[in-house]
């Protein structure tokens, strides 16, 4: 599989931090969710439109390694790529990186494709074609 990478800049605001002005660990999950959404958008797929057509992606597994802390007002780059695709799942690889190139978080998030009733379904062929063509 060729490597398409999406980059999403994220500024750290006060609301993202704990009492020590360090990013609260769970907020990295939000940044990665945004990264996946923008990744799909850059490929031509809007998650809102997919949802309205009965295709949803839900997190099935998350593997996260926290390496360095990010702090208030820093600008991060949420780097998103796909590491594996099956008929109903996609594994997204994320790296959240500071401007000085220090890696804060490395993560693999497995998402499952479901229908509007919550049942596993095949990833639509147009998405597979795009993902396999990158």
Protein backbone atom coordinates (compact mmCIF):
# COMPACT_ATOMS: atom_id res chain seq x y z
CA UNK A 1 0.00 0.00 0.00
CA UNK A 2 1.34 3.42 -0.93
CA UNK A 3 1.59 5.92 1.86
CA UNK A 4 -0.82 8.87 1.95
CA UNK A 5 -0.32 11.03 5.00
CA UNK A 6 -2.61 13.72 6.34
CA UNK A 7 -1.37 16.56 8.55
CA UNK A 8 -3.64 18.44 10.93
CA UNK A 9 -2.27 21.35 13.00
CA UNK A 10 -3.65 21.53 16.55
CA UNK A 11 -2.98 24.41 18.94
CA UNK A 12 -3.05 23.51 22.65
CA UNK A 13 -5.56 25.68 24.50
CA UNK A 14 -6.10 26.05 28.23
CA UNK A 15 -9.17 23.79 28.04
CA UNK A 16 -6.93 20.96 26.71
CA UNK A 17 -4.64 20.94 29.73
CA UNK A 18 -4.57 19.78 33.31
CA UNK A 19 -3.58 21.91 36.31
CA UNK A 20 0.07 21.76 35.23
CA UNK A 21 -0.66 23.17 31.75
CA UNK A 22 0.13 19.76 30.24
CA UNK A 23 -2.27 18.20 27.72
CA UNK A 24 -4.67 15.88 29.54
CA UNK A 25 -3.93 12.40 28.16
CA UNK A 26 -7.46 11.66 26.91
CA UNK A 27 -7.46 14.79 24.75
CA UNK A 28 -4.96 13.18 22.40
CA UNK A 29 -7.79 10.81 21.42
CA UNK A 30 -9.82 13.85 20.31
CA UNK A 31 -6.93 15.08 18.19
CA UNK A 32 -6.60 11.66 16.56
CA UNK A 33 -10.35 11.56 15.85
CA UNK A 34 -10.03 14.90 14.10
CA UNK A 35 -7.00 13.57 12.22
CA UNK A 36 -8.98 10.57 10.91
CA UNK A 37 -11.88 12.81 9.91
CA UNK A 38 -9.58 15.15 7.98
CA UNK A 39 -7.73 12.19 6.43
CA UNK A 40 -11.02 10.94 4.97
CA UNK A 41 -12.03 14.47 3.94
CA UNK A 42 -8.76 14.90 2.03
CA UNK A 43 -9.60 11.68 0.16
CA UNK A 44 -13.01 13.09 -0.73
CA UNK A 45 -15.20 11.51 1.97
CA UNK A 46 -17.17 13.57 4.47
CA UNK A 47 -18.02 11.55 7.60
CA UNK A 48 -21.30 13.44 7.96
CA UNK A 49 -22.35 12.42 4.45
CA UNK A 50 -21.21 8.84 5.06
CA UNK A 51 -23.24 8.79 8.27
CA UNK A 52 -26.35 10.02 6.43
CA UNK A 53 -25.87 7.20 3.89
CA UNK A 54 -25.66 4.57 6.66
CA UNK A 55 -21.89 4.14 6.91
CA UNK A 56 -20.29 4.87 10.26
CA UNK A 57 -16.81 4.19 11.61
CA UNK A 58 -16.41 3.35 15.30
CA UNK A 59 -13.26 2.76 17.30
CA UNK A 60 -12.81 -0.96 17.99
CA UNK A 61 -9.27 -0.93 19.42
CA UNK A 62 -6.75 1.68 20.50
CA UNK A 63 -3.04 1.24 21.17
CA UNK A 64 -1.39 4.41 22.45
CA UNK A 65 2.16 5.19 23.54
CA UNK A 66 2.68 8.49 25.33
CA UNK A 67 6.25 9.65 24.79
CA UNK A 68 6.48 13.37 25.60
CA UNK A 69 4.11 15.90 27.09
CA UNK A 70 2.66 18.77 25.11
CA UNK A 71 1.95 22.03 26.89
CA UNK A 72 -0.30 25.03 26.74
CA UNK A 73 0.01 27.09 23.54
CA UNK A 74 2.21 24.61 21.66
CA UNK A 75 1.35 23.80 18.07
CA UNK A 76 1.17 20.11 17.26
CA UNK A 77 0.99 18.22 13.99
CA UNK A 78 -1.41 15.26 14.00
CA UNK A 79 0.01 12.97 11.33
CA UNK A 80 -2.43 10.32 10.13
CA UNK A 81 -1.94 7.41 7.73
CA UNK A 82 -3.44 3.97 7.14
CA UNK A 83 -1.40 0.93 8.09
CA UNK A 84 -3.90 -1.86 7.36
CA UNK A 85 -7.25 -2.39 5.65
CA UNK A 86 -9.65 -5.34 5.76
CA UNK A 87 -13.18 -5.76 4.43
CA UNK A 88 -14.70 -4.04 7.50
CA UNK A 89 -11.83 -2.40 9.42
CA UNK A 90 -9.14 0.20 8.93
CA UNK A 91 -6.12 0.64 11.17
CA UNK A 92 -5.06 4.28 11.30
CA UNK A 93 -1.56 5.11 12.45
CA UNK A 94 -1.17 8.45 14.24
CA UNK A 95 1.85 10.39 15.36
CA UNK A 96 1.38 13.64 17.23
CA UNK A 97 4.49 15.74 16.83
CA UNK A 98 5.73 19.05 18.24
CA UNK A 99 7.23 21.75 16.01
CA UNK A 100 10.71 20.76 17.22
CA UNK A 101 9.97 17.25 15.85
CA UNK A 102 9.62 15.62 19.29
CA UNK A 103 7.01 12.88 19.10
CA UNK A 104 4.37 13.18 21.85
CA UNK A 105 2.14 10.23 20.98
CA UNK A 106 2.25 7.20 18.69
CA UNK A 107 -0.99 5.32 18.20
CA UNK A 108 -2.73 2.68 16.13
CA UNK A 109 -6.51 3.00 16.13
CA UNK A 110 -8.63 0.26 14.59
CA UNK A 111 -12.01 1.45 13.35
CA UNK A 112 -14.84 -0.83 12.29
CA UNK A 113 -17.38 0.03 9.64
CA UNK A 114 -20.97 -0.33 10.84
CA UNK A 115 -24.42 0.46 9.51
CA UNK A 116 -26.93 2.75 11.19
CA UNK A 117 -28.20 -0.21 13.27
CA UNK A 118 -24.74 -0.85 14.71
CA UNK A 119 -24.04 -4.00 12.67
CA UNK A 120 -20.68 -4.62 11.06
CA UNK A 121 -20.71 -3.97 7.33
CA UNK A 122 -18.26 -3.95 4.46
CA UNK A 123 -16.40 -0.73 3.90
CA UNK A 124 -17.98 0.87 0.81
CA UNK A 125 -16.09 -0.03 -2.34
CA UNK A 126 -15.46 3.62 -3.27
CA UNK A 127 -13.58 4.10 0.01
CA UNK A 128 -11.62 0.84 -0.42
CA UNK A 129 -10.70 1.83 -3.97
CA UNK A 130 -9.42 5.20 -2.79
CA UNK A 131 -7.51 3.71 0.17
CA UNK A 132 -5.98 0.94 -1.94
CA UNK A 133 -5.00 3.44 -4.63
CA UNK A 134 -2.98 5.61 -2.29
